[in-house]
Amino acid sequence: MEDKASIDDVLQQVEDGLGGSIDRLIALLQIPSVSSEPAGSAAIAACADWLAHQLRDIGLQADVVATECHPIVMARSERKPDRPTVLFYGHYDVQPPEPLADWDTPPFEPALKQEDGLTRIYARGASDSKGQLWTVIEALRTWKEARGGWPVNVTVMLEGEEEFGSSSLPAFIESHRQTLACDVAFNSDSEMWSPTRPAITTSLKGLVHEKVTIVTPHGDLHSGHFGNVAANPLRILTKILGAIHDDDGVVSIDGFYHGVESVSPELRAQWETLDVTEALAGVSIEGGPDEGGLGPIELMWGRPGIDINGIWGGNTGPTERSVLPGTASARLTFRLVGRQQPERLRLLFRAFVEDQLPAGCRAEFEGEYGTAPVSMKETGPYIGAARRALDAEWSEPALIKGTGGTVPVVGWLSAALGIDCVSFGFILAGDAIHAPNERFDTERLRKGIRSWVRLLSELAP
């Protein structure tokens, strides 16, 4: 049994080995593991093999498992029945680096720069998410070097498709339930609130994509001959879209809010203390929805919504064309919370549209699969362990937060394995993820490794 009060030897090992940790991260960043392009397949395979070698080097049994798309790296420690089993998730694929001309240094030739008293590593994937998964792997390496083993049973799962949908992952999880069985999972692909304040994400919004096309009985018409008489699908569509929300931004579709759970008073009080100036820098919220007076944090993290992502029809070219279109289309996304059900909301939206169609017109719909929202209690034992670990390492207490985004793997693991999947990591808003000059500083690498070391101690029986 580990002594939680004494991990000084492990933390000192982090300090002593930091140079090697940085060198290995640089080697990982040199592999151009772009997942969304066929030309990247060889690099993806090389990256998976490299990671499997690293995991074997620290004493885990590691395999590269083929899928219908990119391989998944699986690693496990020897099982001891008196210890909890912990699954660590990360992804090793990266976004394409284009536009290359906007990079100050080549994206797959990591550059170390001294800036603002920090050493920053510039490379594609430095923050999203090779730097994140590396904090976990180096924490496991450090604990093994200092103690000869781990205080928990370890499982590591690293995928290579996160940046374009993780299409192979649901089937992989379903077919490997026994191998993946655990007491809790941790997702390292997550962000901090500020450079000094870590965050634990306990709720993620669900997601529904929907495309709607209004079709009239006629095709394109001359607007001079038939304008002001014939049905105009753009006018019909914009009227329907305009009816989705009331003046405060509340969704008007009957039944939309079924399953929405109120934010707890304690969590709302914590959120109301946050300074959102930096988080909303450059974003205009004047004239945006407020549902009658709710704050931006609660709207972003705790409330569902519908957004119109695009609308088109008729003349969208660079020259004049006096056309009355025969069709008009829009794309929308629904962000879900609580117990809202993706397919139920899809059907409610379609019925809402069809109820407002004039005679002779029809609506056509296209929609991909939906992702359900995920939430967990802020007071659970594993959230508590994460809070204690982060609070011990950072100068400000960990923020319990939600996110307006969707991370499907969190829901997939939770549903398939019946466990909580806790998200915390060390990305900052200024890291330029998915953009040129992506970066991650070595101080967050160091403190990230130390944070995971502390978590392992907190999880020890």
Protein backbone atom coordinates (compact mmCIF):
# COMPACT_ATOMS: atom_id res chain seq x y z
CA MET A 1 0.00 0.00 0.00
CA GLU A 2 1.35 3.44 -1.01
CA ASP A 3 1.98 6.15 1.58
CA LYS A 4 -0.03 9.09 0.22
CA ALA A 5 1.71 11.46 2.60
CA SER A 6 5.14 10.83 1.08
CA ILE A 7 5.68 11.08 -2.66
CA ASP A 8 8.64 13.45 -2.46
CA ASP A 9 10.89 10.85 -4.07
CA VAL A 10 8.59 10.55 -7.08
CA LEU A 11 8.24 14.31 -7.46
CA GLN A 12 12.02 14.69 -7.26
CA GLN A 13 12.33 12.09 -10.00
CA VAL A 14 10.12 14.33 -12.19
CA GLU A 15 12.58 17.20 -11.67
CA ASP A 16 15.65 15.05 -12.26
CA GLY A 17 14.20 13.50 -15.41
CA LEU A 18 12.60 16.58 -16.95
CA GLY A 19 15.27 16.97 -19.62
CA GLY A 20 14.62 13.45 -20.84
CA SER A 21 10.86 14.05 -20.75
CA ILE A 22 11.31 17.08 -23.00
CA ASP A 23 13.61 15.20 -25.39
CA ARG A 24 11.12 12.37 -25.78
CA LEU A 25 8.24 14.79 -26.38
CA ILE A 26 10.29 16.49 -29.09
CA ALA A 27 10.87 13.10 -30.73
CA LEU A 28 7.11 12.43 -30.64
CA LEU A 29 6.36 15.84 -32.16
CA GLN A 30 8.69 15.12 -35.08
CA ILE A 31 6.31 12.42 -36.34
CA PRO A 32 3.78 14.05 -38.75
CA SER A 33 0.81 11.97 -37.62
CA VAL A 34 -1.90 13.85 -39.54
CA SER A 35 -4.93 11.58 -39.43
CA SER A 36 -7.33 13.20 -41.90
CA GLU A 37 -5.16 12.83 -45.00
CA PRO A 38 -4.40 9.51 -46.75
CA ALA A 39 -0.77 10.58 -47.13
CA GLY A 40 -0.47 10.58 -43.35
CA SER A 41 -1.18 6.87 -42.88
CA ALA A 42 2.48 5.83 -42.79
CA ALA A 43 3.28 8.48 -40.19
CA ILE A 44 0.24 7.46 -38.15
CA ALA A 45 1.48 3.86 -38.11
CA ALA A 46 4.99 4.99 -37.19
CA CYS A 47 3.65 7.12 -34.35
CA ALA A 48 1.59 4.23 -32.97
CA ASP A 49 4.64 1.95 -33.07
CA TRP A 50 6.80 4.61 -31.39
CA LEU A 51 4.30 5.07 -28.57
CA ALA A 52 3.92 1.33 -28.06
CA HIS A 53 7.72 1.08 -27.74
CA GLN A 54 7.73 3.86 -25.13
CA LEU A 55 4.98 2.16 -23.12
CA ARG A 56 6.83 -1.17 -23.21
CA ASP A 57 9.97 0.66 -22.12
CA ILE A 58 8.27 1.74 -18.88
CA GLY A 59 7.08 -1.78 -18.14
CA LEU A 60 3.59 -2.00 -19.65
CA GLN A 61 2.42 -4.72 -22.02
CA ALA A 62 1.61 -2.71 -25.15
CA ASP A 63 0.06 -3.61 -28.49
CA VAL A 64 -0.84 -1.73 -31.66
CA VAL A 65 -4.36 -2.85 -32.54
CA ALA A 66 -5.58 -2.47 -36.13
CA THR A 67 -9.00 -0.94 -36.80
CA GLU A 68 -10.93 -0.15 -39.97
CA CYS A 69 -9.05 3.15 -40.06
CA HIS A 70 -6.07 4.08 -37.87
CA PRO A 71 -4.53 1.86 -35.17
CA ILE A 72 -5.19 2.15 -31.45
CA VAL A 73 -2.36 1.71 -28.95
CA MET A 74 -3.36 -0.38 -25.93
CA ALA A 75 -1.17 -0.93 -22.88
CA ARG A 76 -1.78 -2.65 -19.54
CA SER A 77 0.08 -3.29 -16.34
CA GLU A 78 0.05 -6.53 -14.38
CA ARG A 79 -3.27 -6.80 -12.51
CA LYS A 80 -3.30 -6.79 -8.72
CA PRO A 81 -6.71 -7.52 -7.19
CA ASP A 82 -6.29 -5.17 -4.23
CA ARG A 83 -5.82 -2.09 -6.43
CA PRO A 84 -8.23 0.02 -8.50
CA THR A 85 -7.94 -0.10 -12.27
CA VAL A 86 -7.48 3.24 -14.00
CA LEU A 87 -7.83 3.87 -17.75
CA PHE A 88 -5.95 6.79 -19.31
CA TYR A 89 -7.18 8.04 -22.71
CA GLY A 90 -5.38 10.26 -25.19
CA HIS A 91 -4.95 10.76 -28.92
CA TYR A 92 -1.76 10.89 -30.93
CA ASP A 93 -3.10 12.21 -34.23
CA VAL A 94 -2.84 15.89 -35.14
CA GLN A 95 -4.49 18.44 -37.40
CA PRO A 96 -2.97 19.29 -40.80
CA PRO A 97 -0.40 22.07 -40.40
CA GLU A 98 -1.57 24.28 -43.27
CA PRO A 99 -1.15 27.13 -44.04
CA LEU A 100 2.56 26.40 -43.84
CA ALA A 101 3.53 29.96 -44.76
CA ASP A 102 2.07 31.19 -41.48
CA TRP A 103 4.41 29.08 -39.33
CA ASP A 104 7.51 30.79 -37.96
CA THR A 105 9.30 27.43 -37.88
CA PRO A 106 8.50 24.13 -39.64
CA PRO A 107 5.55 22.44 -37.88
CA PHE A 108 7.25 19.05 -37.49
CA GLU A 109 10.67 20.41 -36.53
CA PRO A 110 10.01 21.36 -32.90
CA ALA A 111 11.54 24.67 -31.89
CA LEU A 112 12.25 25.76 -28.30
CA LYS A 113 11.89 29.48 -27.69
CA GLN A 114 12.45 31.56 -24.56
CA GLU A 115 9.44 33.86 -24.16
CA ASP A 116 7.94 35.68 -21.17
CA GLY A 117 10.15 33.75 -18.77
CA LEU A 118 9.01 30.39 -20.19
CA THR A 119 10.45 27.82 -22.58
CA ARG A 120 7.83 27.13 -25.24
CA ILE A 121 7.88 24.21 -27.66
CA TYR A 122 6.50 25.18 -31.08
CA ALA A 123 5.22 22.27 -33.19
CA ARG A 124 2.01 20.79 -34.52
CA GLY A 125 0.51 18.68 -31.74
CA ALA A 126 2.57 20.34 -29.00
CA SER A 127 -0.59 21.14 -27.06
CA ASP A 128 -3.33 19.18 -28.90
CA SER A 129 -2.74 16.60 -27.82
CA LYS A 130 0.72 15.05 -27.77
CA GLY A 131 1.84 17.35 -25.00
CA GLN A 132 -1.19 16.32 -22.96
CA LEU A 133 -0.79 12.56 -23.33
CA TRP A 134 2.93 12.94 -22.69
CA THR A 135 2.29 14.35 -19.21
CA VAL A 136 0.49 11.09 -18.42
CA ILE A 137 3.10 8.76 -19.91
CA GLU A 138 5.97 10.58 -18.20
CA ALA A 139 4.13 10.43 -14.87
CA LEU A 140 3.81 6.66 -15.31
CA ARG A 141 7.49 6.42 -16.29
CA THR A 142 8.57 8.51 -13.29
CA TRP A 143 6.52 6.50 -10.79
CA LYS A 144 7.91 3.24 -12.17
CA GLU A 145 11.49 4.51 -11.96
CA ALA A 146 11.04 5.78 -8.40
CA ARG A 147 8.95 2.96 -6.95
CA GLY A 148 9.38 -0.02 -9.29
CA GLY A 149 5.64 -0.19 -10.05
CA TRP A 150 2.37 1.70 -9.84
CA PRO A 151 -0.12 2.11 -6.99
CA VAL A 152 -3.01 1.26 -9.36
CA ASN A 153 -3.67 -1.14 -12.20
CA VAL A 154 -2.91 0.87 -15.34
CA THR A 155 -4.61 0.78 -18.75
CA VAL A 156 -3.63 3.20 -21.52
CA MET A 157 -5.66 3.70 -24.71
CA LEU A 158 -4.33 6.07 -27.38
CA GLU A 159 -6.28 6.58 -30.59
CA GLY A 160 -5.27 8.03 -33.95
CA GLU A 161 -8.58 9.38 -35.30
CA GLU A 162 -9.74 12.00 -32.81
CA GLU A 163 -9.11 14.92 -35.15
CA PHE A 164 -11.60 13.65 -37.72
CA GLY A 165 -14.35 11.92 -35.82
CA SER A 166 -13.00 8.77 -34.08
CA SER A 167 -15.06 6.63 -36.43
CA SER A 168 -13.41 3.35 -35.36
CA LEU A 169 -13.52 4.00 -31.63
CA PRO A 170 -17.13 3.09 -30.66
CA ALA A 171 -16.84 -0.38 -32.21
CA PHE A 172 -13.39 -0.83 -30.66
CA ILE A 173 -14.66 0.04 -27.19
CA GLU A 174 -17.64 -2.28 -27.59
CA SER A 175 -15.50 -5.23 -28.73
CA HIS A 176 -12.82 -4.66 -26.06
CA ARG A 177 -15.02 -4.11 -23.01
CA GLN A 178 -13.26 -6.78 -20.98
CA THR A 179 -9.80 -5.41 -21.75
CA LEU A 180 -10.92 -1.85 -21.02
CA ALA A 181 -12.85 -2.67 -17.83
CA CYS A 182 -11.85 -0.21 -15.11
CA ASP A 183 -13.01 1.70 -12.07
CA VAL A 184 -12.49 5.14 -13.61
CA ALA A 185 -11.16 6.70 -16.80
CA PHE A 186 -9.23 9.94 -17.25
CA ASN A 187 -9.19 12.00 -20.43
CA SER A 188 -6.09 14.19 -20.77
CA ASP A 189 -7.35 16.07 -23.84
CA SER A 190 -8.67 19.00 -21.84
CA GLU A 191 -7.88 22.56 -20.89
CA MET A 192 -6.98 24.85 -18.00
CA TRP A 193 -8.99 27.91 -17.05
CA SER A 194 -5.87 30.10 -16.84
CA PRO A 195 -2.08 29.66 -16.65
CA THR A 196 -2.32 29.31 -12.86
CA ARG A 197 -5.72 27.64 -12.46
CA PRO A 198 -6.38 24.07 -13.60
CA ALA A 199 -9.87 22.85 -14.40
CA ILE A 200 -11.83 19.61 -14.20
CA THR A 201 -14.57 19.21 -16.79
CA THR A 202 -17.58 17.41 -15.35
CA SER A 203 -20.13 18.08 -18.09
CA LEU A 204 -19.90 18.04 -21.85
CA LYS A 205 -22.68 18.97 -24.21
CA GLY A 206 -24.26 16.54 -26.60
CA LEU A 207 -24.42 17.33 -30.30
CA VAL A 208 -26.87 16.96 -33.18
CA HIS A 209 -26.08 18.03 -36.75
CA GLU A 210 -29.02 18.73 -39.06
CA LYS A 211 -29.39 19.98 -42.63
CA VAL A 212 -32.80 21.16 -43.87
CA THR A 213 -33.73 22.00 -47.47
CA ILE A 214 -37.00 23.68 -48.45
CA VAL A 215 -38.12 22.52 -51.91
CA THR A 216 -40.77 24.32 -53.96
CA PRO A 217 -42.79 22.68 -56.77
CA HIS A 218 -40.88 24.78 -59.32
CA GLY A 219 -37.20 25.15 -60.07
CA ASP A 220 -35.34 28.44 -60.33
CA LEU A 221 -37.51 31.23 -61.76
CA HIS A 222 -36.96 34.70 -63.18
CA SER A 223 -37.49 37.06 -60.27
CA GLY A 224 -38.96 39.76 -62.52
CA HIS A 225 -41.57 37.47 -64.03
CA PHE A 226 -42.52 35.54 -60.90
CA GLY A 227 -41.20 37.53 -57.93
CA ASN A 228 -43.70 38.65 -55.32
CA VAL A 229 -46.02 35.86 -56.52
CA ALA A 230 -44.22 32.50 -56.49
CA ALA A 231 -43.19 30.79 -53.26
CA ASN A 232 -39.63 31.81 -52.34
CA PRO A 233 -37.93 29.04 -50.35
CA LEU A 234 -35.36 31.44 -48.88
CA ARG A 235 -38.17 33.54 -47.43
CA ILE A 236 -39.95 30.42 -46.13
CA LEU A 237 -36.75 29.02 -44.61
CA THR A 238 -35.67 32.24 -42.92
CA LYS A 239 -39.15 32.68 -41.45
CA ILE A 240 -39.00 29.16 -39.99
CA LEU A 241 -35.47 29.65 -38.67
CA GLY A 242 -36.44 32.98 -37.16
CA ALA A 243 -39.25 31.28 -35.25
CA ILE A 244 -36.90 28.84 -33.48
CA HIS A 245 -36.01 31.40 -30.78
CA ASP A 246 -37.93 34.10 -28.98
CA ASP A 247 -36.45 37.56 -28.41
CA ASP A 248 -34.42 36.33 -25.41
CA GLY A 249 -32.95 33.37 -27.27
CA VAL A 250 -35.21 30.78 -25.62
CA VAL A 251 -35.95 27.90 -28.01
CA SER A 252 -39.62 27.89 -29.00
CA ILE A 253 -39.85 24.26 -30.12
CA ASP A 254 -42.31 22.44 -27.87
CA GLY A 255 -40.55 19.85 -25.72
CA PHE A 256 -37.03 21.09 -26.47
CA TYR A 257 -36.15 21.61 -22.79
CA HIS A 258 -37.41 18.23 -21.62
CA GLY A 259 -34.58 16.56 -19.69
CA VAL A 260 -32.67 19.78 -18.97
CA GLU A 261 -31.35 19.83 -15.42
CA SER A 262 -30.80 23.03 -13.47
CA VAL A 263 -27.29 24.06 -12.55
CA SER A 264 -26.75 23.58 -8.82
CA PRO A 265 -26.67 26.77 -6.72
CA GLU A 266 -23.14 25.92 -5.55
CA LEU A 267 -21.84 25.52 -9.09
CA ARG A 268 -23.63 28.63 -10.32
CA ALA A 269 -22.11 30.63 -7.46
CA GLN A 270 -18.62 29.42 -8.43
CA TRP A 271 -19.18 30.25 -12.09
CA GLU A 272 -20.45 33.74 -11.28
CA THR A 273 -17.10 34.58 -9.67
CA LEU A 274 -15.20 33.91 -12.91
CA ASP A 275 -13.78 36.73 -14.98
CA VAL A 276 -14.82 35.87 -18.53
CA THR A 277 -12.96 38.77 -20.13
CA GLU A 278 -10.13 36.60 -21.46
CA ALA A 279 -12.38 33.68 -22.38
CA LEU A 280 -14.61 35.97 -24.45
CA ALA A 281 -11.88 38.24 -25.82
CA GLY A 282 -12.85 39.39 -29.31
CA VAL A 283 -16.35 37.90 -29.04
CA SER A 284 -19.35 40.23 -29.21
CA ILE A 285 -22.16 39.12 -26.90
CA GLU A 286 -24.24 42.27 -27.26
CA GLY A 287 -27.45 41.20 -28.96
CA GLY A 288 -26.73 37.55 -28.25
CA PRO A 289 -29.15 35.30 -26.37
CA ASP A 290 -29.35 35.50 -22.59
CA GLU A 291 -32.57 33.56 -21.88
CA GLY A 292 -33.86 36.47 -19.85
CA GLY A 293 -30.76 37.31 -17.84
CA LEU A 294 -28.50 34.24 -17.52
CA GLY A 295 -24.75 34.83 -17.49
CA PRO A 296 -22.47 33.79 -20.37
CA ILE A 297 -20.77 30.98 -18.43
CA GLU A 298 -24.06 29.27 -17.56
CA LEU A 299 -25.27 29.70 -21.14
CA MET A 300 -22.05 28.19 -22.54
CA TRP A 301 -21.69 25.31 -20.08
CA GLY A 302 -25.10 24.63 -18.56
CA ARG A 303 -27.82 25.43 -21.08
CA PRO A 304 -28.82 23.78 -24.38
CA GLY A 305 -29.17 25.72 -27.60
CA ILE A 306 -29.64 25.68 -31.35
CA ASP A 307 -27.32 27.57 -33.69
CA ILE A 308 -27.68 28.24 -37.41
CA ASN A 309 -24.32 27.43 -38.96
CA GLY A 310 -25.04 28.37 -42.55
CA ILE A 311 -27.81 29.22 -44.99
CA TRP A 312 -27.77 29.30 -48.78
CA GLY A 313 -29.87 29.20 -51.94
CA GLY A 314 -30.26 30.94 -55.27
CA ASN A 315 -27.52 33.29 -56.39
CA THR A 316 -24.43 32.80 -54.25
CA GLY A 317 -21.96 33.62 -57.01
CA PRO A 318 -19.89 36.76 -57.64
CA THR A 319 -22.11 38.18 -60.41
CA GLU A 320 -25.68 39.50 -60.59
CA ARG A 321 -28.31 36.86 -61.31
CA SER A 322 -31.92 37.86 -60.75
CA VAL A 323 -33.17 34.45 -59.72
CA LEU A 324 -36.00 33.28 -57.54
CA PRO A 325 -34.56 29.98 -56.24
CA GLY A 326 -36.33 26.65 -56.26
CA THR A 327 -34.61 25.42 -53.09
CA ALA A 328 -33.00 26.87 -49.98
CA SER A 329 -30.91 25.07 -47.36
CA ALA A 330 -29.50 25.58 -43.89
CA ARG A 331 -27.25 23.69 -41.51
CA LEU A 332 -27.82 23.77 -37.78
CA THR A 333 -26.24 22.32 -34.66
CA PHE A 334 -28.05 21.51 -31.44
CA ARG A 335 -26.00 21.46 -28.21
CA LEU A 336 -27.57 19.28 -25.52
CA VAL A 337 -27.32 19.08 -21.73
CA GLY A 338 -28.66 16.93 -18.91
CA ARG A 339 -30.88 14.07 -20.09
CA GLN A 340 -31.78 15.48 -23.50
CA GLN A 341 -31.93 12.81 -26.19
CA PRO A 342 -30.38 13.55 -29.61
CA GLU A 343 -32.84 11.65 -31.79
CA ARG A 344 -35.87 12.98 -29.92
CA LEU A 345 -34.73 16.55 -30.53
CA ARG A 346 -34.05 15.80 -34.18
CA LEU A 347 -37.65 14.59 -34.61
CA LEU A 348 -39.04 17.59 -32.72
CA PHE A 349 -37.15 19.96 -35.00
CA ARG A 350 -38.34 18.23 -38.16
CA ALA A 351 -41.95 18.34 -36.99
CA PHE A 352 -41.51 22.05 -36.14
CA VAL A 353 -40.34 22.76 -39.70
CA GLU A 354 -43.02 20.69 -41.41
CA ASP A 355 -45.81 22.31 -39.38
CA GLN A 356 -44.89 25.68 -40.88
CA LEU A 357 -44.55 24.68 -44.54
CA PRO A 358 -46.98 26.27 -47.01
CA ALA A 359 -49.01 23.97 -49.24
CA GLY A 360 -47.05 22.63 -52.20
CA CYS A 361 -43.63 22.90 -50.54
CA ARG A 362 -41.74 20.11 -48.83
CA ALA A 363 -38.76 19.79 -46.52
CA GLU A 364 -35.86 17.40 -46.94
CA PHE A 365 -33.63 16.57 -43.98
CA GLU A 366 -30.16 15.13 -43.57
CA GLY A 367 -28.64 14.33 -40.20
CA GLU A 368 -25.65 12.44 -38.89
CA TYR A 369 -25.69 10.43 -35.69
CA GLY A 370 -26.18 12.39 -32.49
CA THR A 371 -24.01 12.42 -29.39
CA ALA A 372 -25.67 12.46 -25.98
CA PRO A 373 -24.55 14.90 -23.27
CA VAL A 374 -22.37 13.64 -20.44
CA SER A 375 -22.31 14.83 -16.85
CA MET A 376 -21.10 13.54 -13.51
CA LYS A 377 -21.48 14.58 -9.90
CA GLU A 378 -19.00 17.22 -8.80
CA THR A 379 -18.68 15.44 -5.44
CA GLY A 380 -17.78 11.93 -6.62
CA PRO A 381 -14.70 10.16 -5.19
CA TYR A 382 -12.68 10.38 -8.40
CA ILE A 383 -13.49 14.05 -8.90
CA GLY A 384 -12.35 14.52 -5.31
CA ALA A 385 -9.08 12.74 -6.00
CA ALA A 386 -8.45 14.90 -9.07
CA ARG A 387 -9.23 18.08 -7.13
CA ARG A 388 -6.84 17.18 -4.32
CA ALA A 389 -4.07 16.34 -6.78
CA LEU A 390 -4.46 19.55 -8.76
CA ASP A 391 -4.93 21.76 -5.70
CA ALA A 392 -1.68 20.43 -4.24
CA GLU A 393 0.27 21.29 -7.39
CA TRP A 394 -1.15 24.58 -8.66
CA SER A 395 -1.37 28.00 -7.02
CA GLU A 396 -5.14 28.30 -7.50
CA PRO A 397 -7.82 25.70 -6.72
CA ALA A 398 -9.14 23.58 -9.57
CA LEU A 399 -12.23 24.96 -11.26
CA ILE A 400 -15.15 22.57 -11.73
CA LYS A 401 -16.43 23.48 -15.16
CA GLY A 402 -18.52 22.43 -18.08
CA THR A 403 -17.80 22.89 -21.74
CA GLY A 404 -19.91 23.91 -24.69
CA GLY A 405 -18.03 21.42 -26.81
CA THR A 406 -18.52 17.72 -27.38
CA VAL A 407 -15.89 15.02 -26.71
CA PRO A 408 -17.63 11.81 -27.82
CA VAL A 409 -15.10 9.42 -26.26
CA VAL A 410 -16.09 10.57 -22.76
CA GLY A 411 -19.68 9.48 -23.36
CA TRP A 412 -18.71 6.29 -25.17
CA LEU A 413 -16.44 5.12 -22.35
CA SER A 414 -18.95 6.08 -19.65
CA ALA A 415 -21.82 4.27 -21.37
CA ALA A 416 -19.94 1.14 -22.42
CA LEU A 417 -17.98 0.60 -19.20
CA GLY A 418 -20.40 2.06 -16.66
CA ILE A 419 -17.78 4.38 -15.17
CA ASP A 420 -17.02 8.07 -14.81
CA CYS A 421 -14.59 9.55 -17.33
CA VAL A 422 -12.93 12.56 -15.73
CA SER A 423 -11.35 15.22 -17.97
CA PHE A 424 -8.45 17.44 -17.03
CA GLY A 425 -5.43 18.61 -18.97
CA PHE A 426 -3.18 21.59 -19.49
CA ILE A 427 -4.18 23.26 -22.77
CA LEU A 428 -4.50 27.06 -22.71
CA ALA A 429 -6.59 29.25 -25.00
CA GLY A 430 -3.41 30.90 -26.29
CA ASP A 431 -1.76 27.66 -27.42
CA ALA A 432 -2.95 28.12 -31.04
CA ILE A 433 -4.30 24.59 -31.30
CA HIS A 434 -5.40 23.72 -34.87
CA ALA A 435 -3.56 26.87 -36.03
CA PRO A 436 -0.04 27.85 -37.10
CA ASN A 437 2.58 28.21 -34.35
CA GLU A 438 0.92 25.80 -31.94
CA ARG A 439 2.87 25.68 -28.68
CA PHE A 440 3.15 24.20 -25.20
CA ASP A 441 5.51 25.41 -22.49
CA THR A 442 7.82 23.16 -20.52
CA GLU A 443 6.56 24.52 -17.19
CA ARG A 444 3.09 23.13 -17.90
CA LEU A 445 4.72 19.89 -19.03
CA ARG A 446 6.56 19.72 -15.69
CA LYS A 447 3.57 20.61 -13.54
CA GLY A 448 1.33 18.39 -15.65
CA ILE A 449 3.56 15.38 -14.97
CA ARG A 450 3.60 16.25 -11.28
CA SER A 451 -0.20 16.57 -11.27
CA TRP A 452 -0.65 13.05 -12.64
CA VAL A 453 1.92 11.75 -10.14
CA ARG A 454 -0.16 13.27 -7.35
CA LEU A 455 -3.32 11.75 -8.81
CA LEU A 456 -1.77 8.28 -8.80
CA SER A 457 -1.01 8.77 -5.13
CA GLU A 458 -4.58 9.91 -4.43
CA LEU A 459 -5.98 6.84 -6.20
CA ALA A 460 -3.81 4.39 -4.26
CA PRO A 461 -5.81 2.10 -1.93
